[in-house]
Amino acid sequence: MPLYEYYCPPCGSQFEVLRPVSKMDDAAVCPAGHTTNNRVLSLFAPLRRALGAGTATATLEQPSADACCGGSCSCC
């Protein structure tokens, strides 16, 4: 099940709800009890482990042209 993020205007908080895709547009209830339909765009960063490092780090690297058919996205 995906994790969706919502914004609650009355209390100004952002919260997450784990629910099925079929329920993503249903109203959500914030921790303070307010009902809201304000779903926000969730952003994530893939984690990768650097060689020789003991911890994973978030990176926002662009893929190289070689990673996608030599720069042509017709085969992606």
PDB file of N, CA and C in Angstrom:
ATOM      1  N   MET A   1       0.844  -1.185   0.000  1.00  0.00           N
ATOM      2  CA  MET A   1       0.000   0.000   0.000  1.00  0.00           C
ATOM      3  C   MET A   1       0.883   1.239   0.000  1.00  0.00           C
ATOM      4  N   PRO A   2       0.512   2.234  -0.795  1.00  0.00           N
ATOM      5  CA  PRO A   2       1.290   3.474  -0.834  1.00  0.00           C
ATOM      6  C   PRO A   2       1.040   4.359   0.389  1.00  0.00           C
ATOM      7  N   LEU A   3       1.998   5.202   0.631  1.00  0.00           N
ATOM      8  CA  LEU A   3       1.927   6.176   1.713  1.00  0.00           C
ATOM      9  C   LEU A   3       1.625   7.533   1.078  1.00  0.00           C
ATOM     10  N   TYR A   4       0.511   8.154   1.430  1.00  0.00           N
ATOM     11  CA  TYR A   4       0.110   9.443   0.875  1.00  0.00           C
ATOM     12  C   TYR A   4       0.298  10.529   1.915  1.00  0.00           C
ATOM     13  N   GLU A   5       0.665  11.718   1.452  1.00  0.00           N
ATOM     14  CA  GLU A   5       0.840  12.868   2.344  1.00  0.00           C
ATOM     15  C   GLU A   5      -0.307  13.840   2.126  1.00  0.00           C
ATOM     16  N   TYR A   6      -0.788  14.415   3.224  1.00  0.00           N
ATOM     17  CA  TYR A   6      -1.888  15.375   3.198  1.00  0.00           C
ATOM     18  C   TYR A   6      -1.494  16.600   4.000  1.00  0.00           C
ATOM     19  N   TYR A   7      -2.127  17.733   3.671  1.00  0.00           N
ATOM     20  CA  TYR A   7      -1.922  18.980   4.411  1.00  0.00           C
ATOM     21  C   TYR A   7      -3.244  19.361   5.060  1.00  0.00           C
ATOM     22  N   CYS A   8      -3.196  19.714   6.334  1.00  0.00           N
ATOM     23  CA  CYS A   8      -4.385  20.121   7.086  1.00  0.00           C
ATOM     24  C   CYS A   8      -4.351  21.631   7.292  1.00  0.00           C
ATOM     25  N   PRO A   9      -5.193  22.402   6.573  1.00  0.00           N
ATOM     26  CA  PRO A   9      -5.195  23.862   6.736  1.00  0.00           C
ATOM     27  C   PRO A   9      -5.550  24.352   8.146  1.00  0.00           C
ATOM     28  N   PRO A  10      -6.549  23.764   8.852  1.00  0.00           N
ATOM     29  CA  PRO A  10      -6.882  24.282  10.176  1.00  0.00           C
ATOM     30  C   PRO A  10      -5.732  24.247  11.181  1.00  0.00           C
ATOM     31  N   CYS A  11      -4.926  23.172  11.163  1.00  0.00           N
ATOM     32  CA  CYS A  11      -3.832  23.114  12.142  1.00  0.00           C
ATOM     33  C   CYS A  11      -2.464  23.335  11.493  1.00  0.00           C
ATOM     34  N   GLY A  12      -2.417  23.488  10.164  1.00  0.00           N
ATOM     35  CA  GLY A  12      -1.155  23.795   9.489  1.00  0.00           C
ATOM     36  C   GLY A  12      -0.146  22.662   9.507  1.00  0.00           C
ATOM     37  N   SER A  13      -0.604  21.423   9.626  1.00  0.00           N
ATOM     38  CA  SER A  13       0.331  20.303   9.695  1.00  0.00           C
ATOM     39  C   SER A  13       0.257  19.455   8.424  1.00  0.00           C
ATOM     40  N   GLN A  14       1.329  18.748   8.188  1.00  0.00           N
ATOM     41  CA  GLN A  14       1.384  17.795   7.094  1.00  0.00           C
ATOM     42  C   GLN A  14       1.497  16.411   7.731  1.00  0.00           C
ATOM     43  N   PHE A  15       0.727  15.455   7.235  1.00  0.00           N
ATOM     44  CA  PHE A  15       0.726  14.117   7.826  1.00  0.00           C
ATOM     45  C   PHE A  15       0.636  13.070   6.729  1.00  0.00           C
ATOM     46  N   GLU A  16       0.933  11.825   7.090  1.00  0.00           N
ATOM     47  CA  GLU A  16       0.950  10.719   6.135  1.00  0.00           C
ATOM     48  C   GLU A  16      -0.124   9.700   6.493  1.00  0.00           C
ATOM     49  N   VAL A  17      -0.673   9.066   5.429  1.00  0.00           N
ATOM     50  CA  VAL A  17      -1.678   8.022   5.619  1.00  0.00           C
ATOM     51  C   VAL A  17      -1.323   6.856   4.699  1.00  0.00           C
ATOM     52  N   LEU A  18      -1.270   5.664   5.250  1.00  0.00           N
ATOM     53  CA  LEU A  18      -1.023   4.452   4.484  1.00  0.00           C
ATOM     54  C   LEU A  18      -2.381   3.888   4.090  1.00  0.00           C
ATOM     55  N   ARG A  19      -2.665   3.869   2.769  1.00  0.00           N
ATOM     56  CA  ARG A  19      -3.966   3.406   2.298  1.00  0.00           C
ATOM     57  C   ARG A  19      -3.871   2.864   0.895  1.00  0.00           C
ATOM     58  N   PRO A  20      -4.862   2.071   0.451  1.00  0.00           N
ATOM     59  CA  PRO A  20      -4.830   1.522  -0.897  1.00  0.00           C
ATOM     60  C   PRO A  20      -4.985   2.623  -1.951  1.00  0.00           C
ATOM     61  N   VAL A  21      -4.523   2.342  -3.152  1.00  0.00           N
ATOM     62  CA  VAL A  21      -4.616   3.302  -4.256  1.00  0.00           C
ATOM     63  C   VAL A  21      -6.068   3.686  -4.498  1.00  0.00           C
ATOM     64  N   SER A  22      -6.976   2.757  -4.353  1.00  0.00           N
ATOM     65  CA  SER A  22      -8.393   3.033  -4.594  1.00  0.00           C
ATOM     66  C   SER A  22      -8.971   4.066  -3.624  1.00  0.00           C
ATOM     67  N   LYS A  23      -8.301   4.322  -2.512  1.00  0.00           N
ATOM     68  CA  LYS A  23      -8.780   5.273  -1.500  1.00  0.00           C
ATOM     69  C   LYS A  23      -7.974   6.578  -1.476  1.00  0.00           C
ATOM     70  N   MET A  24      -7.062   6.787  -2.460  1.00  0.00           N
ATOM     71  CA  MET A  24      -6.160   7.939  -2.395  1.00  0.00           C
ATOM     72  C   MET A  24      -6.886   9.281  -2.445  1.00  0.00           C
ATOM     73  N   ASP A  25      -8.063   9.351  -3.077  1.00  0.00           N
ATOM     74  CA  ASP A  25      -8.780  10.617  -3.160  1.00  0.00           C
ATOM     75  C   ASP A  25      -9.826  10.792  -2.069  1.00  0.00           C
ATOM     76  N   ASP A  26      -9.967   9.804  -1.190  1.00  0.00           N
ATOM     77  CA  ASP A  26     -10.895   9.931  -0.066  1.00  0.00           C
ATOM     78  C   ASP A  26     -10.346  10.935   0.950  1.00  0.00           C
ATOM     79  N   ALA A  27     -11.237  11.542   1.699  1.00  0.00           N
ATOM     80  CA  ALA A  27     -10.819  12.482   2.740  1.00  0.00           C
ATOM     81  C   ALA A  27      -9.984  11.755   3.789  1.00  0.00           C
ATOM     82  N   ALA A  28      -8.987  12.455   4.323  1.00  0.00           N
ATOM     83  CA  ALA A  28      -8.128  11.912   5.377  1.00  0.00           C
ATOM     84  C   ALA A  28      -8.329  12.728   6.649  1.00  0.00           C
ATOM     85  N   VAL A  29      -8.087  12.088   7.774  1.00  0.00           N
ATOM     86  CA  VAL A  29      -8.234  12.760   9.068  1.00  0.00           C
ATOM     87  C   VAL A  29      -6.849  12.973   9.658  1.00  0.00           C
ATOM     88  N   CYS A  30      -6.517  14.229   9.988  1.00  0.00           N
ATOM     89  CA  CYS A  30      -5.213  14.554  10.568  1.00  0.00           C
ATOM     90  C   CYS A  30      -5.150  14.075  12.019  1.00  0.00           C
ATOM     91  N   PRO A  31      -3.962  14.049  12.610  1.00  0.00           N
ATOM     92  CA  PRO A  31      -3.829  13.610  14.008  1.00  0.00           C
ATOM     93  C   PRO A  31      -4.668  14.434  14.995  1.00  0.00           C
ATOM     94  N   ALA A  32      -4.986  15.698  14.637  1.00  0.00           N
ATOM     95  CA  ALA A  32      -5.796  16.534  15.527  1.00  0.00           C
ATOM     96  C   ALA A  32      -7.292  16.318  15.318  1.00  0.00           C
ATOM     97  N   GLY A  33      -7.664  15.482  14.306  1.00  0.00           N
ATOM     98  CA  GLY A  33      -9.073  15.170  14.095  1.00  0.00           C
ATOM     99  C   GLY A  33      -9.762  15.946  12.994  1.00  0.00           C
ATOM    100  N   HIS A  34      -9.045  16.814  12.275  1.00  0.00           N
ATOM    101  CA  HIS A  34      -9.640  17.565  11.172  1.00  0.00           C
ATOM    102  C   HIS A  34      -9.694  16.702   9.914  1.00  0.00           C
ATOM    103  N   THR A  35     -10.737  16.875   9.109  1.00  0.00           N
ATOM    104  CA  THR A  35     -10.856  16.152   7.844  1.00  0.00           C
ATOM    105  C   THR A  35     -10.381  17.045   6.714  1.00  0.00           C
ATOM    106  N   THR A  36      -9.571  16.478   5.809  1.00  0.00           N
ATOM    107  CA  THR A  36      -9.028  17.254   4.704  1.00  0.00           C
ATOM    108  C   THR A  36      -8.931  16.412   3.442  1.00  0.00           C
ATOM    109  N   ASN A  37      -9.029  17.059   2.289  1.00  0.00           N
ATOM    110  CA  ASN A  37      -8.827  16.430   0.991  1.00  0.00           C
ATOM    111  C   ASN A  37      -7.579  16.977   0.314  1.00  0.00           C
ATOM    112  N   ASN A  38      -6.752  17.707   1.033  1.00  0.00           N
ATOM    113  CA  ASN A  38      -5.574  18.366   0.469  1.00  0.00           C
ATOM    114  C   ASN A  38      -4.382  17.416   0.432  1.00  0.00           C
ATOM    115  N   ARG A  39      -4.340  16.576  -0.616  1.00  0.00           N
ATOM    116  CA  ARG A  39      -3.199  15.672  -0.784  1.00  0.00           C
ATOM    117  C   ARG A  39      -2.057  16.472  -1.398  1.00  0.00           C
ATOM    118  N   VAL A  40      -0.845  16.268  -0.901  1.00  0.00           N
ATOM    119  CA  VAL A  40       0.321  16.999  -1.398  1.00  0.00           C
ATOM    120  C   VAL A  40       1.222  16.044  -2.168  1.00  0.00           C
ATOM    121  N   LEU A  41       2.031  16.605  -3.040  1.00  0.00           N
ATOM    122  CA  LEU A  41       2.969  15.825  -3.832  1.00  0.00           C
ATOM    123  C   LEU A  41       4.077  15.302  -2.933  1.00  0.00           C
ATOM    124  N   SER A  42       4.250  14.010  -2.926  1.00  0.00           N
ATOM    125  CA  SER A  42       5.305  13.390  -2.129  1.00  0.00           C
ATOM    126  C   SER A  42       6.579  13.338  -2.951  1.00  0.00           C
ATOM    127  N   LEU A  43       7.670  13.753  -2.377  1.00  0.00           N
ATOM    128  CA  LEU A  43       8.967  13.694  -3.042  1.00  0.00           C
ATOM    129  C   LEU A  43       9.836  12.686  -2.316  1.00  0.00           C
ATOM    130  N   PHE A  44      10.606  11.950  -3.054  1.00  0.00           N
ATOM    131  CA  PHE A  44      11.495  10.978  -2.432  1.00  0.00           C
ATOM    132  C   PHE A  44      12.827  11.000  -3.152  1.00  0.00           C
ATOM    133  N   ALA A  45      13.828  10.520  -2.481  1.00  0.00           N
ATOM    134  CA  ALA A  45      15.167  10.417  -3.055  1.00  0.00           C
ATOM    135  C   ALA A  45      15.627   8.976  -2.913  1.00  0.00           C
ATOM    136  N   PRO A  46      16.103   8.400  -4.001  1.00  0.00           N
ATOM    137  CA  PRO A  46      16.586   7.018  -3.892  1.00  0.00           C
ATOM    138  C   PRO A  46      17.845   6.953  -3.032  1.00  0.00           C
ATOM    139  N   LEU A  47      17.993   5.865  -2.298  1.00  0.00           N
ATOM    140  CA  LEU A  47      19.183   5.679  -1.468  1.00  0.00           C
ATOM    141  C   LEU A  47      20.172   4.806  -2.215  1.00  0.00           C
ATOM    142  N   ARG A  48      21.429   5.138  -2.075  1.00  0.00           N
ATOM    143  CA  ARG A  48      22.462   4.285  -2.661  1.00  0.00           C
ATOM    144  C   ARG A  48      23.623   4.236  -1.692  1.00  0.00           C
ATOM    145  N   ARG A  49      24.300   3.133  -1.688  1.00  0.00           N
ATOM    146  CA  ARG A  49      25.431   2.937  -0.798  1.00  0.00           C
ATOM    147  C   ARG A  49      26.706   3.225  -1.584  1.00  0.00           C
ATOM    148  N   ALA A  50      27.501   4.151  -1.082  1.00  0.00           N
ATOM    149  CA  ALA A  50      28.773   4.491  -1.718  1.00  0.00           C
ATOM    150  C   ALA A  50      29.781   3.383  -1.447  1.00  0.00           C
ATOM    151  N   LEU A  51      30.683   3.158  -2.383  1.00  0.00           N
ATOM    152  CA  LEU A  51      31.701   2.130  -2.203  1.00  0.00           C
ATOM    153  C   LEU A  51      32.556   2.444  -0.990  1.00  0.00           C
ATOM    154  N   GLY A  52      32.705   1.486  -0.115  1.00  0.00           N
ATOM    155  CA  GLY A  52      33.547   1.658   1.064  1.00  0.00           C
ATOM    156  C   GLY A  52      32.871   2.402   2.198  1.00  0.00           C
ATOM    157  N   ALA A  53      31.658   2.862   1.995  1.00  0.00           N
ATOM    158  CA  ALA A  53      30.966   3.605   3.050  1.00  0.00           C
ATOM    159  C   ALA A  53      30.043   2.658   3.805  1.00  0.00           C
ATOM    160  N   GLY A  54      29.810   2.956   5.046  1.00  0.00           N
ATOM    161  CA  GLY A  54      28.962   2.108   5.866  1.00  0.00           C
ATOM    162  C   GLY A  54      27.523   2.575   5.940  1.00  0.00           C
ATOM    163  N   THR A  55      27.201   3.726   5.396  1.00  0.00           N
ATOM    164  CA  THR A  55      25.839   4.229   5.479  1.00  0.00           C
ATOM    165  C   THR A  55      25.314   4.548   4.091  1.00  0.00           C
ATOM    166  N   ALA A  56      24.011   4.472   3.945  1.00  0.00           N
ATOM    167  CA  ALA A  56      23.370   4.827   2.681  1.00  0.00           C
ATOM    168  C   ALA A  56      23.118   6.326   2.675  1.00  0.00           C
ATOM    169  N   THR A  57      23.233   6.931   1.527  1.00  0.00           N
ATOM    170  CA  THR A  57      22.993   8.360   1.404  1.00  0.00           C
ATOM    171  C   THR A  57      21.985   8.614   0.308  1.00  0.00           C
ATOM    172  N   ALA A  58      21.198   9.661   0.456  1.00  0.00           N
ATOM    173  CA  ALA A  58      20.243  10.042  -0.572  1.00  0.00           C
ATOM    174  C   ALA A  58      20.981  10.839  -1.638  1.00  0.00           C
ATOM    175  N   THR A  59      20.712  10.504  -2.878  1.00  0.00           N
ATOM    176  CA  THR A  59      21.341  11.225  -3.975  1.00  0.00           C
ATOM    177  C   THR A  59      20.277  11.650  -4.967  1.00  0.00           C
ATOM    178  N   LEU A  60      20.495  12.742  -5.611  1.00  0.00           N
ATOM    179  CA  LEU A  60      19.584  13.236  -6.641  1.00  0.00           C
ATOM    180  C   LEU A  60      20.355  13.392  -7.944  1.00  0.00           C
ATOM    181  N   GLU A  61      21.080  12.365  -8.323  1.00  0.00           N
ATOM    182  CA  GLU A  61      21.889  12.424  -9.526  1.00  0.00           C
ATOM    183  C   GLU A  61      21.028  12.197 -10.757  1.00  0.00           C
ATOM    184  N   GLN A  62      21.380  12.848 -11.853  1.00  0.00           N
ATOM    185  CA  GLN A  62      20.742  12.612 -13.130  1.00  0.00           C
ATOM    186  C   GLN A  62      21.382  11.394 -13.762  1.00  0.00           C
ATOM    187  N   PRO A  63      20.600  10.522 -14.413  1.00  0.00           N
ATOM    188  CA  PRO A  63      21.201   9.379 -15.078  1.00  0.00           C
ATOM    189  C   PRO A  63      22.058   9.841 -16.250  1.00  0.00           C
ATOM    190  N   SER A  64      23.103   9.084 -16.523  1.00  0.00           N
ATOM    191  CA  SER A  64      23.960   9.443 -17.643  1.00  0.00           C
ATOM    192  C   SER A  64      23.252   9.120 -18.945  1.00  0.00           C
ATOM    193  N   ALA A  65      23.714   9.709 -20.055  1.00  0.00           N
ATOM    194  CA  ALA A  65      23.118   9.461 -21.360  1.00  0.00           C
ATOM    195  C   ALA A  65      23.257   7.986 -21.723  1.00  0.00           C
ATOM    196  N   ASP A  66      24.336   7.321 -21.270  1.00  0.00           N
ATOM    197  CA  ASP A  66      24.535   5.924 -21.587  1.00  0.00           C
ATOM    198  C   ASP A  66      23.517   5.022 -20.907  1.00  0.00           C
ATOM    199  N   ALA A  67      22.921   5.491 -19.819  1.00  0.00           N
ATOM    200  CA  ALA A  67      21.976   4.666 -19.068  1.00  0.00           C
ATOM    201  C   ALA A  67      20.641   4.540 -19.785  1.00  0.00           C
ATOM    202  N   CYS A  68      20.407   5.370 -20.763  1.00  0.00           N
ATOM    203  CA  CYS A  68      19.102   5.377 -21.436  1.00  0.00           C
ATOM    204  C   CYS A  68      19.277   5.333 -22.951  1.00  0.00           C
ATOM    205  N   CYS A  69      19.722   4.232 -23.482  1.00  0.00           N
ATOM    206  CA  CYS A  69      19.850   4.030 -24.939  1.00  0.00           C
ATOM    207  C   CYS A  69      20.682   5.113 -25.612  1.00  0.00           C
ATOM    208  N   GLY A  70      21.735   5.553 -24.969  1.00  0.00           N
ATOM    209  CA  GLY A  70      22.605   6.556 -25.590  1.00  0.00           C
ATOM    210  C   GLY A  70      21.976   7.932 -25.684  1.00  0.00           C
ATOM    211  N   GLY A  71      21.060   8.246 -24.806  1.00  0.00           N
ATOM    212  CA  GLY A  71      20.464   9.586 -24.805  1.00  0.00           C
ATOM    213  C   GLY A  71      19.117   9.632 -25.511  1.00  0.00           C
ATOM    214  N   SER A  72      18.731   8.574 -26.194  1.00  0.00           N
ATOM    215  CA  SER A  72      17.434   8.534 -26.868  1.00  0.00           C
ATOM    216  C   SER A  72      16.426   7.881 -25.949  1.00  0.00           C
ATOM    217  N   CYS A  73      15.392   8.580 -25.587  1.00  0.00           N
ATOM    218  CA  CYS A  73      14.407   8.031 -24.668  1.00  0.00           C
ATOM    219  C   CYS A  73      13.304   7.264 -25.391  1.00  0.00           C
ATOM    220  N   SER A  74      13.482   6.987 -26.675  1.00  0.00           N
ATOM    221  CA  SER A  74      12.464   6.244 -27.402  1.00  0.00           C
ATOM    222  C   SER A  74      12.390   4.795 -26.948  1.00  0.00           C
ATOM    223  N   CYS A  75      13.433   4.307 -26.283  1.00  0.00           N
ATOM    224  CA  CYS A  75      13.420   2.900 -25.844  1.00  0.00           C
ATOM    225  C   CYS A  75      13.175   2.784 -24.354  1.00  0.00           C
ATOM    226  N   CYS A  76      12.968   3.878 -23.638  1.00  0.00           N
ATOM    227  CA  CYS A  76      12.732   3.815 -22.186  1.00  0.00           C
ATOM    228  C   CYS A  76      11.321   3.402 -21.876  1.00  0.00           C
TER     229      CYS A  76
END
